[in-house]
């Protein structure tokens, strides 16, 4: 019977407090890990949203620059075409004037 007395004393004095402490340690560690994980996830989501916003702003800026460049090219093409038409009309008018001057001289 002394064996059972020593065993019950060992369980009540050593093992129960030891396992209670280990349980508390694991529980606290789990809570700390969950709070850290939640904090990291929140930080990650914040940075991802920030990067996404920056990327969208950059895309908008590129789109504006591209559209302006496209518009300038279109405007340049229209002006060139118009100037060529004016030049052709002036050349036609100059030729007609030369013909009239030649008729008037003869």
PDB file of N, CA and C in Angstrom:
ATOM      1  N   UNK A   1       0.792  -1.201   0.000  1.00  0.00           N
ATOM      2  CA  UNK A   1       0.000   0.000   0.000  1.00  0.00           C
ATOM      3  C   UNK A   1       0.839   1.272   0.000  1.00  0.00           C
ATOM      4  N   UNK A   2       2.076   1.246   0.434  1.00  0.00           N
ATOM      5  CA  UNK A   2       2.856   2.474   0.365  1.00  0.00           C
ATOM      6  C   UNK A   2       3.069   2.927  -1.087  1.00  0.00           C
ATOM      7  N   UNK A   3       3.029   1.967  -2.025  1.00  0.00           N
ATOM      8  CA  UNK A   3       3.204   2.319  -3.428  1.00  0.00           C
ATOM      9  C   UNK A   3       2.068   3.207  -3.910  1.00  0.00           C
ATOM     10  N   UNK A   4       0.851   2.876  -3.560  1.00  0.00           N
ATOM     11  CA  UNK A   4      -0.293   3.670  -3.989  1.00  0.00           C
ATOM     12  C   UNK A   4      -0.278   5.033  -3.310  1.00  0.00           C
ATOM     13  N   UNK A   5       0.212   5.082  -2.056  1.00  0.00           N
ATOM     14  CA  UNK A   5       0.293   6.365  -1.364  1.00  0.00           C
ATOM     15  C   UNK A   5       1.341   7.257  -2.037  1.00  0.00           C
ATOM     16  N   UNK A   6       2.471   6.690  -2.383  1.00  0.00           N
ATOM     17  CA  UNK A   6       3.500   7.462  -3.065  1.00  0.00           C
ATOM     18  C   UNK A   6       3.033   7.898  -4.458  1.00  0.00           C
ATOM     19  N   UNK A   7       2.307   7.019  -5.114  1.00  0.00           N
ATOM     20  CA  UNK A   7       1.803   7.338  -6.443  1.00  0.00           C
ATOM     21  C   UNK A   7       0.773   8.461  -6.378  1.00  0.00           C
ATOM     22  N   UNK A   8      -0.148   8.390  -5.429  1.00  0.00           N
ATOM     23  CA  UNK A   8      -1.150   9.450  -5.314  1.00  0.00           C
ATOM     24  C   UNK A   8      -0.498  10.770  -4.899  1.00  0.00           C
ATOM     25  N   UNK A   9       0.511  10.682  -4.018  1.00  0.00           N
ATOM     26  CA  UNK A   9       1.214  11.909  -3.629  1.00  0.00           C
ATOM     27  C   UNK A   9       1.938  12.495  -4.849  1.00  0.00           C
ATOM     28  N   UNK A  10       2.611  11.656  -5.629  1.00  0.00           N
ATOM     29  CA  UNK A  10       3.342  12.095  -6.812  1.00  0.00           C
ATOM     30  C   UNK A  10       2.396  12.743  -7.826  1.00  0.00           C
ATOM     31  N   UNK A  11       1.244  12.129  -8.023  1.00  0.00           N
ATOM     32  CA  UNK A  11       0.262  12.670  -8.969  1.00  0.00           C
ATOM     33  C   UNK A  11      -0.276  14.003  -8.474  1.00  0.00           C
ATOM     34  N   UNK A  12      -0.656  14.080  -7.209  1.00  0.00           N
ATOM     35  CA  UNK A  12      -1.268  15.304  -6.701  1.00  0.00           C
ATOM     36  C   UNK A  12      -0.259  16.435  -6.516  1.00  0.00           C
ATOM     37  N   UNK A  13       0.950  16.140  -6.149  1.00  0.00           N
ATOM     38  CA  UNK A  13       1.921  17.191  -5.847  1.00  0.00           C
ATOM     39  C   UNK A  13       2.745  17.584  -7.078  1.00  0.00           C
ATOM     40  N   UNK A  14       3.093  16.643  -7.911  1.00  0.00           N
ATOM     41  CA  UNK A  14       4.004  16.924  -9.023  1.00  0.00           C
ATOM     42  C   UNK A  14       3.276  16.988 -10.368  1.00  0.00           C
ATOM     43  N   UNK A  15       2.569  15.942 -10.722  1.00  0.00           N
ATOM     44  CA  UNK A  15       2.048  15.839 -12.080  1.00  0.00           C
ATOM     45  C   UNK A  15       0.885  16.787 -12.355  1.00  0.00           C
ATOM     46  N   UNK A  16      -0.035  16.943 -11.445  1.00  0.00           N
ATOM     47  CA  UNK A  16      -1.182  17.836 -11.694  1.00  0.00           C
ATOM     48  C   UNK A  16      -0.711  19.279 -11.866  1.00  0.00           C
ATOM     49  N   UNK A  17       0.115  19.828 -10.965  1.00  0.00           N
ATOM     50  CA  UNK A  17       0.602  21.193 -11.210  1.00  0.00           C
ATOM     51  C   UNK A  17       1.458  21.297 -12.478  1.00  0.00           C
ATOM     52  N   UNK A  18       2.252  20.250 -12.745  1.00  0.00           N
ATOM     53  CA  UNK A  18       3.089  20.262 -13.939  1.00  0.00           C
ATOM     54  C   UNK A  18       2.233  20.293 -15.205  1.00  0.00           C
ATOM     55  N   UNK A  19       1.240  19.422 -15.295  1.00  0.00           N
ATOM     56  CA  UNK A  19       0.372  19.406 -16.474  1.00  0.00           C
ATOM     57  C   UNK A  19      -0.508  20.643 -16.548  1.00  0.00           C
ATOM     58  N   UNK A  20      -0.905  21.170 -15.394  1.00  0.00           N
ATOM     59  CA  UNK A  20      -1.668  22.424 -15.399  1.00  0.00           C
ATOM     60  C   UNK A  20      -0.811  23.556 -15.951  1.00  0.00           C
ATOM     61  N   UNK A  21       0.440  23.609 -15.515  1.00  0.00           N
ATOM     62  CA  UNK A  21       1.358  24.630 -16.033  1.00  0.00           C
ATOM     63  C   UNK A  21       1.610  24.466 -17.520  1.00  0.00           C
ATOM     64  N   UNK A  22       1.796  23.231 -17.968  1.00  0.00           N
ATOM     65  CA  UNK A  22       2.000  22.982 -19.397  1.00  0.00           C
ATOM     66  C   UNK A  22       0.759  23.361 -20.210  1.00  0.00           C
ATOM     67  N   UNK A  23      -0.424  23.010 -19.663  1.00  0.00           N
ATOM     68  CA  UNK A  23      -1.663  23.376 -20.342  1.00  0.00           C
ATOM     69  C   UNK A  23      -1.772  24.891 -20.461  1.00  0.00           C
ATOM     70  N   UNK A  24      -1.489  25.605 -19.358  1.00  0.00           N
ATOM     71  CA  UNK A  24      -1.553  27.067 -19.375  1.00  0.00           C
ATOM     72  C   UNK A  24      -0.525  27.629 -20.356  1.00  0.00           C
ATOM     73  N   UNK A  25       0.686  27.065 -20.384  1.00  0.00           N
ATOM     74  CA  UNK A  25       1.738  27.516 -21.288  1.00  0.00           C
ATOM     75  C   UNK A  25       1.323  27.324 -22.751  1.00  0.00           C
ATOM     76  N   UNK A  26       0.787  26.153 -23.068  1.00  0.00           N
ATOM     77  CA  UNK A  26       0.328  25.903 -24.437  1.00  0.00           C
ATOM     78  C   UNK A  26      -0.835  26.818 -24.819  1.00  0.00           C
ATOM     79  N   UNK A  27      -1.758  27.021 -23.893  1.00  0.00           N
ATOM     80  CA  UNK A  27      -2.915  27.882 -24.138  1.00  0.00           C
ATOM     81  C   UNK A  27      -2.470  29.320 -24.406  1.00  0.00           C
ATOM     82  N   UNK A  28      -1.571  29.819 -23.570  1.00  0.00           N
ATOM     83  CA  UNK A  28      -1.059  31.182 -23.725  1.00  0.00           C
ATOM     84  C   UNK A  28      -0.282  31.308 -25.036  1.00  0.00           C
ATOM     85  N   UNK A  29       0.523  30.306 -25.352  1.00  0.00           N
ATOM     86  CA  UNK A  29       1.292  30.317 -26.591  1.00  0.00           C
ATOM     87  C   UNK A  29       0.367  30.322 -27.803  1.00  0.00           C
ATOM     88  N   UNK A  30      -0.700  29.561 -27.741  1.00  0.00           N
ATOM     89  CA  UNK A  30      -1.660  29.523 -28.844  1.00  0.00           C
ATOM     90  C   UNK A  30      -2.341  30.874 -29.012  1.00  0.00           C
ATOM     91  N   UNK A  31      -2.740  31.495 -27.899  1.00  0.00           N
ATOM     92  CA  UNK A  31      -3.369  32.812 -27.981  1.00  0.00           C
ATOM     93  C   UNK A  31      -2.404  33.841 -28.566  1.00  0.00           C
ATOM     94  N   UNK A  32      -1.146  33.796 -28.121  1.00  0.00           N
ATOM     95  CA  UNK A  32      -0.146  34.717 -28.665  1.00  0.00           C
ATOM     96  C   UNK A  32       0.059  34.489 -30.158  1.00  0.00           C
ATOM     97  N   UNK A  33       0.129  33.236 -30.557  1.00  0.00           N
ATOM     98  CA  UNK A  33       0.307  32.923 -31.979  1.00  0.00           C
ATOM     99  C   UNK A  33      -0.885  33.377 -32.811  1.00  0.00           C
ATOM    100  N   UNK A  34      -2.096  33.178 -32.298  1.00  0.00           N
ATOM    101  CA  UNK A  34      -3.285  33.613 -33.031  1.00  0.00           C
ATOM    102  C   UNK A  34      -3.328  35.126 -33.158  1.00  0.00           C
ATOM    103  N   UNK A  35      -2.994  35.832 -32.075  1.00  0.00           N
ATOM    104  CA  UNK A  35      -3.011  37.295 -32.154  1.00  0.00           C
ATOM    105  C   UNK A  35      -1.916  37.800 -33.092  1.00  0.00           C
ATOM    106  N   UNK A  36      -0.754  37.165 -33.069  1.00  0.00           N
ATOM    107  CA  UNK A  36       0.321  37.550 -33.981  1.00  0.00           C
ATOM    108  C   UNK A  36      -0.064  37.251 -35.425  1.00  0.00           C
ATOM    109  N   UNK A  37      -0.672  36.101 -35.644  1.00  0.00           N
ATOM    110  CA  UNK A  37      -1.110  35.741 -36.990  1.00  0.00           C
ATOM    111  C   UNK A  37      -2.164  36.719 -37.494  1.00  0.00           C
ATOM    112  N   UNK A  38      -3.101  37.095 -36.635  1.00  0.00           N
ATOM    113  CA  UNK A  38      -4.133  38.054 -37.029  1.00  0.00           C
ATOM    114  C   UNK A  38      -3.502  39.404 -37.351  1.00  0.00           C
ATOM    115  N   UNK A  39      -2.534  39.814 -36.534  1.00  0.00           N
ATOM    116  CA  UNK A  39      -1.842  41.080 -36.776  1.00  0.00           C
ATOM    117  C   UNK A  39      -1.074  41.042 -38.093  1.00  0.00           C
ATOM    118  N   UNK A  40      -0.382  39.938 -38.354  1.00  0.00           N
ATOM    119  CA  UNK A  40       0.349  39.798 -39.614  1.00  0.00           C
ATOM    120  C   UNK A  40      -0.592  39.787 -40.813  1.00  0.00           C
ATOM    121  N   UNK A  41      -1.723  39.111 -40.662  1.00  0.00           N
ATOM    122  CA  UNK A  41      -2.690  39.063 -41.756  1.00  0.00           C
ATOM    123  C   UNK A  41      -3.259  40.454 -42.028  1.00  0.00           C
ATOM    124  N   UNK A  42      -3.552  41.193 -40.967  1.00  0.00           N
ATOM    125  CA  UNK A  42      -4.065  42.553 -41.116  1.00  0.00           C
ATOM    126  C   UNK A  42      -3.018  43.436 -41.789  1.00  0.00           C
ATOM    127  N   UNK A  43      -1.764  43.311 -41.360  1.00  0.00           N
ATOM    128  CA  UNK A  43      -0.674  44.075 -41.954  1.00  0.00           C
ATOM    129  C   UNK A  43      -0.483  43.700 -43.425  1.00  0.00           C
ATOM    130  N   UNK A  44      -0.533  42.410 -43.718  1.00  0.00           N
ATOM    131  CA  UNK A  44      -0.393  41.940 -45.098  1.00  0.00           C
ATOM    132  C   UNK A  44      -1.515  42.486 -45.971  1.00  0.00           C
ATOM    133  N   UNK A  45      -2.755  42.408 -45.480  1.00  0.00           N
ATOM    134  CA  UNK A  45      -3.885  42.915 -46.257  1.00  0.00           C
ATOM    135  C   UNK A  45      -3.765  44.416 -46.483  1.00  0.00           C
ATOM    136  N   UNK A  46      -3.307  45.134 -45.466  1.00  0.00           N
ATOM    137  CA  UNK A  46      -3.126  46.575 -45.600  1.00  0.00           C
ATOM    138  C   UNK A  46      -2.082  46.897 -46.663  1.00  0.00           C
ATOM    139  N   UNK A  47      -0.963  46.199 -46.617  1.00  0.00           N
ATOM    140  CA  UNK A  47       0.090  46.439 -47.608  1.00  0.00           C
ATOM    141  C   UNK A  47      -0.343  46.002 -48.999  1.00  0.00           C
ATOM    142  N   UNK A  48      -1.069  44.899 -49.082  1.00  0.00           N
ATOM    143  CA  UNK A  48      -1.549  44.437 -50.389  1.00  0.00           C
ATOM    144  C   UNK A  48      -2.518  45.456 -50.986  1.00  0.00           C
ATOM    145  N   UNK A  49      -3.410  45.992 -50.151  1.00  0.00           N
ATOM    146  CA  UNK A  49      -4.338  47.016 -50.635  1.00  0.00           C
ATOM    147  C   UNK A  49      -3.590  48.273 -51.058  1.00  0.00           C
ATOM    148  N   UNK A  50      -2.562  48.630 -50.298  1.00  0.00           N
ATOM    149  CA  UNK A  50      -1.754  49.797 -50.648  1.00  0.00           C
ATOM    150  C   UNK A  50      -1.043  49.584 -51.983  1.00  0.00           C
ATOM    151  N   UNK A  51      -0.461  48.409 -52.162  1.00  0.00           N
ATOM    152  CA  UNK A  51       0.201  48.102 -53.434  1.00  0.00           C
ATOM    153  C   UNK A  51      -0.793  48.075 -54.590  1.00  0.00           C
ATOM    154  N   UNK A  52      -1.969  47.528 -54.343  1.00  0.00           N
ATOM    155  CA  UNK A  52      -2.994  47.481 -55.378  1.00  0.00           C
ATOM    156  C   UNK A  52      -3.443  48.885 -55.761  1.00  0.00           C
ATOM    157  N   UNK A  53      -3.604  49.751 -54.762  1.00  0.00           N
ATOM    158  CA  UNK A  53      -3.984  51.135 -55.033  1.00  0.00           C
ATOM    159  C   UNK A  53      -2.885  51.844 -55.826  1.00  0.00           C
ATOM    160  N   UNK A  54      -1.632  51.613 -55.435  1.00  0.00           N
ATOM    161  CA  UNK A  54      -0.518  52.206 -56.172  1.00  0.00           C
ATOM    162  C   UNK A  54      -0.460  51.719 -57.609  1.00  0.00           C
ATOM    163  N   UNK A  55      -0.697  50.439 -57.804  1.00  0.00           N
ATOM    164  CA  UNK A  55      -0.709  49.881 -59.154  1.00  0.00           C
ATOM    165  C   UNK A  55      -1.843  50.474 -59.979  1.00  0.00           C
ATOM    166  N   UNK A  56      -3.014  50.619 -59.377  1.00  0.00           N
ATOM    167  CA  UNK A  56      -4.141  51.219 -60.092  1.00  0.00           C
ATOM    168  C   UNK A  56      -3.856  52.674 -60.448  1.00  0.00           C
ATOM    169  N   UNK A  57      -3.224  53.418 -59.517  1.00  0.00           N
ATOM    170  CA  UNK A  57      -2.853  54.799 -59.814  1.00  0.00           C
ATOM    171  C   UNK A  57      -1.847  54.857 -60.960  1.00  0.00           C
ATOM    172  N   UNK A  58      -0.879  53.938 -60.944  1.00  0.00           N
ATOM    173  CA  UNK A  58       0.118  53.897 -62.012  1.00  0.00           C
ATOM    174  C   UNK A  58      -0.537  53.557 -63.350  1.00  0.00           C
ATOM    175  N   UNK A  59      -1.451  52.608 -63.335  1.00  0.00           N
ATOM    176  CA  UNK A  59      -2.154  52.249 -64.576  1.00  0.00           C
ATOM    177  C   UNK A  59      -2.931  53.444 -65.115  1.00  0.00           C
ATOM    178  N   UNK A  60      -3.572  54.188 -64.210  1.00  0.00           N
ATOM    179  CA  UNK A  60      -4.333  55.356 -64.629  1.00  0.00           C
ATOM    180  C   UNK A  60      -3.406  56.406 -65.228  1.00  0.00           C
ATOM    181  N   UNK A  61      -2.256  56.616 -64.597  1.00  0.00           N
ATOM    182  CA  UNK A  61      -1.284  57.580 -65.112  1.00  0.00           C
ATOM    183  C   UNK A  61      -0.769  57.154 -66.488  1.00  0.00           C
ATOM    184  N   UNK A  62      -0.462  55.883 -66.645  1.00  0.00           N
ATOM    185  CA  UNK A  62       0.010  55.380 -67.939  1.00  0.00           C
ATOM    186  C   UNK A  62      -1.080  55.536 -68.988  1.00  0.00           C
ATOM    187  N   UNK A  63      -2.307  55.247 -68.606  1.00  0.00           N
ATOM    188  CA  UNK A  63      -3.420  55.382 -69.548  1.00  0.00           C
ATOM    189  C   UNK A  63      -3.586  56.833 -69.982  1.00  0.00           C
ATOM    190  N   UNK A  64      -3.467  57.744 -69.030  1.00  0.00           N
ATOM    191  CA  UNK A  64      -3.578  59.168 -69.382  1.00  0.00           C
ATOM    192  C   UNK A  64      -2.452  59.577 -70.330  1.00  0.00           C
ATOM    193  N   UNK A  65      -1.232  59.177 -70.011  1.00  0.00           N
ATOM    194  CA  UNK A  65      -0.104  59.533 -70.868  1.00  0.00           C
ATOM    195  C   UNK A  65      -0.254  58.913 -72.252  1.00  0.00           C
ATOM    196  N   UNK A  66      -0.692  57.688 -72.304  1.00  0.00           N
ATOM    197  CA  UNK A  66      -0.871  57.016 -73.588  1.00  0.00           C
ATOM    198  C   UNK A  66      -1.972  57.693 -74.389  1.00  0.00           C
ATOM    199  N   UNK A  67      -3.054  58.033 -73.720  1.00  0.00           N
ATOM    200  CA  UNK A  67      -4.160  58.688 -74.414  1.00  0.00           C
ATOM    201  C   UNK A  67      -3.714  60.056 -74.917  1.00  0.00           C
ATOM    202  N   UNK A  68      -2.952  60.798 -74.146  1.00  0.00           N
ATOM    203  CA  UNK A  68      -2.472  62.097 -74.594  1.00  0.00           C
ATOM    204  C   UNK A  68      -1.544  61.937 -75.791  1.00  0.00           C
ATOM    205  N   UNK A  69      -0.684  60.971 -75.739  1.00  0.00           N
ATOM    206  CA  UNK A  69       0.226  60.723 -76.849  1.00  0.00           C
ATOM    207  C   UNK A  69      -0.561  60.342 -78.098  1.00  0.00           C
ATOM    208  N   UNK A  70      -1.551  59.514 -77.920  1.00  0.00           N
ATOM    209  CA  UNK A  70      -2.402  59.103 -79.040  1.00  0.00           C
ATOM    210  C   UNK A  70      -3.137  60.310 -79.614  1.00  0.00           C
ATOM    211  N   UNK A  71      -3.682  61.134 -78.733  1.00  0.00           N
ATOM    212  CA  UNK A  71      -4.400  62.323 -79.190  1.00  0.00           C
ATOM    213  C   UNK A  71      -3.468  63.278 -79.926  1.00  0.00           C
ATOM    214  N   UNK A  72      -2.239  63.428 -79.414  1.00  0.00           N
ATOM    215  CA  UNK A  72      -1.278  64.305 -80.082  1.00  0.00           C
ATOM    216  C   UNK A  72      -0.909  63.768 -81.459  1.00  0.00           C
ATOM    217  N   UNK A  73      -0.742  62.472 -81.577  1.00  0.00           N
ATOM    218  CA  UNK A  73      -0.430  61.889 -82.884  1.00  0.00           C
ATOM    219  C   UNK A  73      -1.584  62.102 -83.857  1.00  0.00           C
ATOM    220  N   UNK A  74      -2.798  61.937 -83.374  1.00  0.00           N
ATOM    221  CA  UNK A  74      -3.970  62.152 -84.230  1.00  0.00           C
ATOM    222  C   UNK A  74      -4.053  63.612 -84.666  1.00  0.00           C
ATOM    223  N   UNK A  75      -3.812  64.530 -83.725  1.00  0.00           N
ATOM    224  CA  UNK A  75      -3.847  65.954 -84.043  1.00  0.00           C
ATOM    225  C   UNK A  75      -2.756  66.308 -85.053  1.00  0.00           C
ATOM    226  N   UNK A  76      -1.571  65.755 -84.861  1.00  0.00           N
ATOM    227  CA  UNK A  76      -0.467  66.005 -85.795  1.00  0.00           C
ATOM    228  C   UNK A  76      -0.822  65.504 -87.195  1.00  0.00           C
ATOM    229  N   UNK A  77      -1.423  64.340 -87.274  1.00  0.00           N
ATOM    230  CA  UNK A  77      -1.810  63.790 -88.578  1.00  0.00           C
ATOM    231  C   UNK A  77      -2.865  64.668 -89.246  1.00  0.00           C
ATOM    232  N   UNK A  78      -3.829  65.144 -88.477  1.00  0.00           N
ATOM    233  CA  UNK A  78      -4.870  66.010 -89.043  1.00  0.00           C
ATOM    234  C   UNK A  78      -4.286  67.336 -89.525  1.00  0.00           C
ATOM    235  N   UNK A  79      -3.381  67.925 -88.710  1.00  0.00           N
ATOM    236  CA  UNK A  79      -2.762  69.193 -89.110  1.00  0.00           C
ATOM    237  C   UNK A  79      -1.906  69.020 -90.366  1.00  0.00           C
ATOM    238  N   UNK A  80      -1.154  67.944 -90.422  1.00  0.00           N
ATOM    239  CA  UNK A  80      -0.318  67.680 -91.597  1.00  0.00           C
ATOM    240  C   UNK A  80      -1.181  67.515 -92.842  1.00  0.00           C
ATOM    241  N   UNK A  81      -2.253  66.771 -92.716  1.00  0.00           N
ATOM    242  CA  UNK A  81      -3.153  66.577 -93.863  1.00  0.00           C
ATOM    243  C   UNK A  81      -3.765  67.909 -94.297  1.00  0.00           C
ATOM    244  N   UNK A  82      -4.156  68.727 -93.343  1.00  0.00           N
ATOM    245  CA  UNK A  82      -4.754  70.017 -93.670  1.00  0.00           C
ATOM    246  C   UNK A  82      -3.722  70.932 -94.337  1.00  0.00           C
ATOM    247  N   UNK A  83      -2.493  70.950 -93.802  1.00  0.00           N
ATOM    248  CA  UNK A  83      -1.441  71.772 -94.414  1.00  0.00           C
ATOM    249  C   UNK A  83      -1.117  71.294 -95.823  1.00  0.00           C
ATOM    250  N   UNK A  84      -1.137  69.992 -96.046  1.00  0.00           N
ATOM    251  CA  UNK A  84      -0.901  69.474 -97.397  1.00  0.00           C
ATOM    252  C   UNK A  84      -2.013  69.898 -98.356  1.00  0.00           C
ATOM    253  N   UNK A  85      -3.254  69.915 -97.876  1.00  0.00           N
ATOM    254  CA  UNK A  85      -4.361  70.381 -98.728  1.00  0.00           C
ATOM    255  C   UNK A  85      -4.205  71.867 -99.058  1.00  0.00           C
ATOM    256  N   UNK A  86      -3.796  72.662 -98.053  1.00  0.00           N
ATOM    257  CA  UNK A  86      -3.578  74.092 -98.297  1.00  0.00           C
ATOM    258  C   UNK A  86      -2.451  74.285 -99.314  1.00  0.00           C
ATOM    259  N   UNK A  87      -1.373  73.518 -99.149  1.00  0.00           N
ATOM    260  CA  UNK A  87      -0.248  73.608-100.079  1.00  0.00           C
ATOM    261  C   UNK A  87      -0.688  73.245-101.498  1.00  0.00           C
ATOM    262  N   UNK A  88      -1.487  72.212-101.630  1.00  0.00           N
ATOM    263  CA  UNK A  88      -1.972  71.809-102.956  1.00  0.00           C
ATOM    264  C   UNK A  88      -2.838  72.907-103.566  1.00  0.00           C
ATOM    265  N   UNK A  89      -3.685  73.541-102.768  1.00  0.00           N
ATOM    266  CA  UNK A  89      -4.529  74.626-103.281  1.00  0.00           C
ATOM    267  C   UNK A  89      -3.674  75.817-103.704  1.00  0.00           C
ATOM    268  N   UNK A  90      -2.648  76.131-102.893  1.00  0.00           N
ATOM    269  CA  UNK A  90      -1.769  77.245-103.254  1.00  0.00           C
ATOM    270  C   UNK A  90      -1.016  76.953-104.545  1.00  0.00           C
ATOM    271  N   UNK A  91      -0.553  75.729-104.703  1.00  0.00           N
ATOM    272  CA  UNK A  91       0.150  75.360-105.935  1.00  0.00           C
ATOM    273  C   UNK A  91      -0.788  75.447-107.134  1.00  0.00           C
ATOM    274  N   UNK A  92      -2.016  75.001-106.963  1.00  0.00           N
ATOM    275  CA  UNK A  92      -3.001  75.081-108.047  1.00  0.00           C
ATOM    276  C   UNK A  92      -3.275  76.537-108.399  1.00  0.00           C
ATOM    277  N   UNK A  93      -3.426  77.365-107.363  1.00  0.00           N
ATOM    278  CA  UNK A  93      -3.679  78.789-107.591  1.00  0.00           C
ATOM    279  C   UNK A  93      -2.474  79.437-108.270  1.00  0.00           C
ATOM    280  N   UNK A  94      -1.277  79.066-107.853  1.00  0.00           N
ATOM    281  CA  UNK A  94      -0.070  79.629-108.485  1.00  0.00           C
ATOM    282  C   UNK A  94       0.008  79.221-109.952  1.00  0.00           C
ATOM    283  N   UNK A  95      -0.318  77.971-110.263  1.00  0.00           N
ATOM    284  CA  UNK A  95      -0.305  77.524-111.661  1.00  0.00           C
ATOM    285  C   UNK A  95      -1.345  78.277-112.493  1.00  0.00           C
ATOM    286  N   UNK A  96      -2.536  78.471-111.930  1.00  0.00           N
ATOM    287  CA  UNK A  96      -3.577  79.214-112.650  1.00  0.00           C
ATOM    288  C   UNK A  96      -3.138  80.656-112.877  1.00  0.00           C
ATOM    289  N   UNK A  97      -2.491  81.234-111.880  1.00  0.00           N
ATOM    290  CA  UNK A  97      -2.015  82.614-112.011  1.00  0.00           C
ATOM    291  C   UNK A  97      -0.958  82.709-113.100  1.00  0.00           C
ATOM    292  N   UNK A  98      -0.059  81.747-113.164  1.00  0.00           N
ATOM    293  CA  UNK A  98       0.963  81.735-114.215  1.00  0.00           C
ATOM    294  C   UNK A  98       0.327  81.616-115.596  1.00  0.00           C
ATOM    295  N   UNK A  99      -0.676  80.773-115.714  1.00  0.00           N
ATOM    296  CA  UNK A  99      -1.362  80.596-116.998  1.00  0.00           C
ATOM    297  C   UNK A  99      -2.048  81.899-117.402  1.00  0.00           C
ATOM    298  N   UNK A 100      -2.715  82.560-116.450  1.00  0.00           N
ATOM    299  CA  UNK A 100      -3.388  83.825-116.754  1.00  0.00           C
ATOM    300  C   UNK A 100      -2.378  84.910-117.116  1.00  0.00           C
ATOM    301  N   UNK A 101      -1.271  84.952-116.400  1.00  0.00           N
ATOM    302  CA  UNK A 101      -0.232  85.936-116.721  1.00  0.00           C
ATOM    303  C   UNK A 101       0.332  85.684-118.122  1.00  0.00           C
ATOM    304  N   UNK A 102       0.510  84.403-118.464  1.00  0.00           N
ATOM    305  CA  UNK A 102       1.036  84.059-119.788  1.00  0.00           C
ATOM    306  C   UNK A 102       0.043  84.471-120.869  1.00  0.00           C
ATOM    307  N   UNK A 103      -1.247  84.332-120.638  1.00  0.00           N
ATOM    308  CA  UNK A 103      -2.271  84.722-121.612  1.00  0.00           C
ATOM    309  C   UNK A 103      -2.313  86.242-121.768  1.00  0.00           C
ATOM    310  N   UNK A 104      -2.183  86.905-120.631  1.00  0.00           N
ATOM    311  CA  UNK A 104      -2.260  88.361-120.676  1.00  0.00           C
ATOM    312  C   UNK A 104      -1.039  88.959-121.380  1.00  0.00           C
ATOM    313  N   UNK A 105       0.095  88.301-121.317  1.00  0.00           N
ATOM    314  CA  UNK A 105       1.300  88.807-121.946  1.00  0.00           C
ATOM    315  C   UNK A 105       1.250  88.581-123.458  1.00  0.00           C
ATOM    316  N   UNK A 106       0.560  87.615-123.911  1.00  0.00           N
ATOM    317  CA  UNK A 106       0.503  87.355-125.344  1.00  0.00           C
ATOM    318  C   UNK A 106      -0.611  88.043-126.021  1.00  0.00           C
TER     319      UNK A 106
END
